Amino acid sequence: MEYTFETMSESHRQAVIDIFNYYIQHSFSAFPDQMVDEPFFDRFLEMSRGYPGVVVKAGPQVVGFGFLRAFHPATTFQRTAEITYFIMPTHTRQGLGTAMLKLFSEQAEKMGIDSILASVSSRNPDSLQFHLKNGFRECGRLAMAGRKFGQDVDVVWLQKPLR
């Protein structure tokens, strides 16, 4: 299957929310425990303002999305960004996560960012493994920071140096 990347925009609102809601309902990957509505997409656009954001398309269908965002609003931390990405399960293990990470890493370096962070649920072993395999290292853990599906969840912080 051929995949393409497209800059995330208003036209992707419903598809992005549908993907995010899938992960809210079926996994520990998305932290919310209640589905979100279309206006939540505005939060994604606001968080990623000034940073790269893309959707992944298989033909005309959006099958994933991702973006970088500020780690912290203080300019002191401009050299660090946080990454977010979600790919529908039927399209994982196709190299899309790696391709998005590469794209965002290249764009981040051009922006003067030299470190990317990922916050991952401790109950998401596939994501933890993906990040560790791709140059991230665990740099922090918030034990029992959340609870979803009646289970305690740690937030694992991973960091990838770009230089």
Protein backbone atom coordinates (compact mmCIF):
# COMPACT_ATOMS: atom_id res chain seq x y z
CA MET A 1 0.00 0.00 0.00
CA GLU A 2 1.24 3.47 -0.80
CA TYR A 3 1.13 6.08 1.95
CA THR A 4 1.46 9.83 1.74
CA PHE A 5 1.91 12.59 4.31
CA GLU A 6 -0.10 15.77 4.18
CA THR A 7 0.07 18.80 6.44
CA MET A 8 -2.64 18.47 9.08
CA SER A 9 -5.40 20.99 8.50
CA GLU A 10 -9.03 21.76 9.22
CA SER A 11 -10.09 19.38 6.43
CA HIS A 12 -8.78 16.46 8.53
CA ARG A 13 -10.85 17.30 11.62
CA GLN A 14 -13.25 14.35 11.61
CA ALA A 15 -10.70 11.73 10.56
CA VAL A 16 -8.21 12.79 13.25
CA ILE A 17 -10.89 12.80 15.95
CA ASP A 18 -12.10 9.37 14.81
CA ILE A 19 -8.57 7.95 15.09
CA PHE A 20 -8.02 9.54 18.50
CA ASN A 21 -11.39 8.27 19.74
CA TYR A 22 -10.53 4.76 18.58
CA TYR A 23 -7.47 4.84 20.83
CA ILE A 24 -9.42 6.40 23.71
CA GLN A 25 -11.94 3.54 23.59
CA HIS A 26 -9.65 0.60 22.87
CA SER A 27 -6.25 1.25 24.44
CA PHE A 28 -4.08 2.96 26.98
CA SER A 29 -2.36 4.91 24.16
CA ALA A 30 -4.61 7.97 24.43
CA PHE A 31 -4.85 9.27 27.97
CA PRO A 32 -8.49 10.50 28.02
CA ASP A 33 -11.06 7.98 29.23
CA GLN A 34 -14.04 9.58 27.47
CA MET A 35 -14.45 10.10 23.74
CA VAL A 36 -13.89 13.64 22.49
CA ASP A 37 -15.96 15.62 20.02
CA GLU A 38 -14.89 17.51 16.91
CA PRO A 39 -14.03 20.78 18.72
CA PHE A 40 -11.21 18.86 20.48
CA PHE A 41 -9.38 19.01 17.15
CA ASP A 42 -8.92 22.75 17.79
CA ARG A 43 -6.81 21.80 20.83
CA PHE A 44 -4.52 19.75 18.57
CA LEU A 45 -4.19 22.69 16.17
CA GLU A 46 -3.51 25.10 19.04
CA MET A 47 -0.96 22.80 20.71
CA SER A 48 0.93 22.31 17.45
CA ARG A 49 0.79 25.94 16.25
CA GLY A 50 4.23 26.80 14.88
CA TYR A 51 5.29 23.14 14.84
CA PRO A 52 4.95 20.49 12.14
CA GLY A 53 1.84 18.34 12.04
CA VAL A 54 0.82 15.74 9.46
CA VAL A 55 -1.78 13.19 8.60
CA VAL A 56 -0.93 9.88 6.98
CA LYS A 57 -3.10 8.88 4.06
CA ALA A 58 -3.63 5.53 2.38
CA GLY A 59 -5.15 6.70 -0.87
CA PRO A 60 -7.83 9.22 0.13
CA GLN A 61 -8.28 7.79 3.65
CA VAL A 62 -6.57 9.34 6.69
CA VAL A 63 -5.07 6.45 8.68
CA GLY A 64 -2.86 8.33 11.13
CA PHE A 65 -1.73 11.70 12.38
CA GLY A 66 1.04 13.26 14.40
CA PHE A 67 2.54 16.54 15.47
CA LEU A 68 5.21 18.21 17.52
CA ARG A 69 4.32 20.72 20.18
CA ALA A 70 6.00 22.83 22.80
CA PHE A 71 7.14 20.86 25.82
CA HIS A 72 6.66 23.91 28.02
CA PRO A 73 5.36 27.42 27.25
CA ALA A 74 8.45 29.19 28.67
CA THR A 75 10.94 30.23 25.98
CA THR A 76 13.62 28.72 28.20
CA PHE A 77 12.50 25.32 26.90
CA GLN A 78 12.24 26.10 23.17
CA ARG A 79 14.98 23.58 22.42
CA THR A 80 12.69 20.71 23.53
CA ALA A 81 9.48 19.54 21.85
CA GLU A 82 6.98 16.78 22.62
CA ILE A 83 5.83 14.36 19.94
CA THR A 84 2.38 12.84 19.52
CA TYR A 85 1.30 10.31 16.91
CA PHE A 86 -1.45 7.77 16.37
CA ILE A 87 -1.79 5.27 13.50
CA MET A 88 -4.77 3.00 13.01
CA PRO A 89 -3.86 -0.59 14.01
CA THR A 90 -4.49 -1.92 10.50
CA HIS A 91 -1.67 0.33 9.29
CA THR A 92 0.92 -0.12 12.04
CA ARG A 93 4.16 -2.01 11.45
CA GLN A 94 4.42 -0.46 7.99
CA GLY A 95 7.19 1.98 8.90
CA LEU A 96 4.81 4.93 9.28
CA GLY A 97 5.76 5.74 12.87
CA THR A 98 9.44 5.62 11.95
CA ALA A 99 8.84 7.82 8.91
CA MET A 100 6.90 10.38 10.97
CA LEU A 101 9.60 10.38 13.64
CA LYS A 102 12.28 10.94 10.98
CA LEU A 103 10.28 13.76 9.38
CA PHE A 104 9.61 15.47 12.71
CA SER A 105 13.23 15.03 13.83
CA GLU A 106 14.52 16.68 10.65
CA GLN A 107 12.03 19.54 10.95
CA ALA A 108 12.76 19.94 14.66
CA GLU A 109 16.49 20.32 14.03
CA LYS A 110 15.78 23.08 11.51
CA MET A 111 13.76 24.83 14.23
CA GLY A 112 16.65 24.67 16.69
CA ILE A 113 15.10 21.84 18.69
CA ASP A 114 17.67 19.37 19.91
CA SER A 115 15.55 17.07 22.06
CA ILE A 116 12.19 15.34 21.51
CA LEU A 117 10.11 13.99 24.38
CA ALA A 118 7.36 11.38 24.31
CA SER A 119 4.96 10.67 27.17
CA VAL A 120 3.77 7.08 26.96
CA SER A 121 1.46 4.97 29.08
CA SER A 122 3.22 2.23 30.98
CA ARG A 123 0.43 -0.02 29.71
CA ASN A 124 1.45 0.56 26.09
CA PRO A 125 4.40 -1.82 25.61
CA ASP A 126 4.39 -1.50 21.80
CA SER A 127 4.91 2.26 22.00
CA LEU A 128 7.57 1.93 24.69
CA GLN A 129 9.43 -0.61 22.56
CA PHE A 130 9.07 1.55 19.42
CA HIS A 131 10.55 4.59 21.12
CA LEU A 132 13.43 2.70 22.73
CA LYS A 133 14.23 1.06 19.37
CA ASN A 134 14.29 4.51 17.74
CA GLY A 135 16.83 6.22 19.97
CA PHE A 136 14.70 7.36 22.90
CA ARG A 137 15.69 6.58 26.46
CA GLU A 138 13.53 6.63 29.55
CA CYS A 139 14.17 9.86 31.43
CA GLY A 140 11.34 9.84 33.97
CA ARG A 141 8.31 8.04 35.26
CA LEU A 142 5.26 9.29 37.12
CA ALA A 143 4.10 6.25 39.06
CA MET A 144 0.35 5.66 39.21
CA ALA A 145 -0.27 9.09 37.67
CA GLY A 146 -3.54 7.99 36.11
CA ARG A 147 -6.27 5.39 36.09
CA LYS A 148 -7.99 4.06 32.99
CA PHE A 149 -10.19 1.02 32.50
CA GLY A 150 -9.95 0.49 36.27
CA GLN A 151 -6.16 0.08 36.14
CA ASP A 152 -3.36 2.28 37.44
CA VAL A 153 -1.22 3.85 34.73
CA ASP A 154 2.31 5.25 34.97
CA VAL A 155 3.33 7.99 32.57
CA VAL A 156 6.73 7.13 31.13
CA TRP A 157 8.76 10.03 29.77
CA LEU A 158 11.19 9.18 27.00
CA GLN A 159 13.73 11.53 25.43
CA LYS A 160 15.57 11.45 22.10
CA PRO A 161 18.54 13.75 21.61
CA LEU A 162 18.76 15.06 18.05
CA ARG A 163 22.39 16.28 18.18
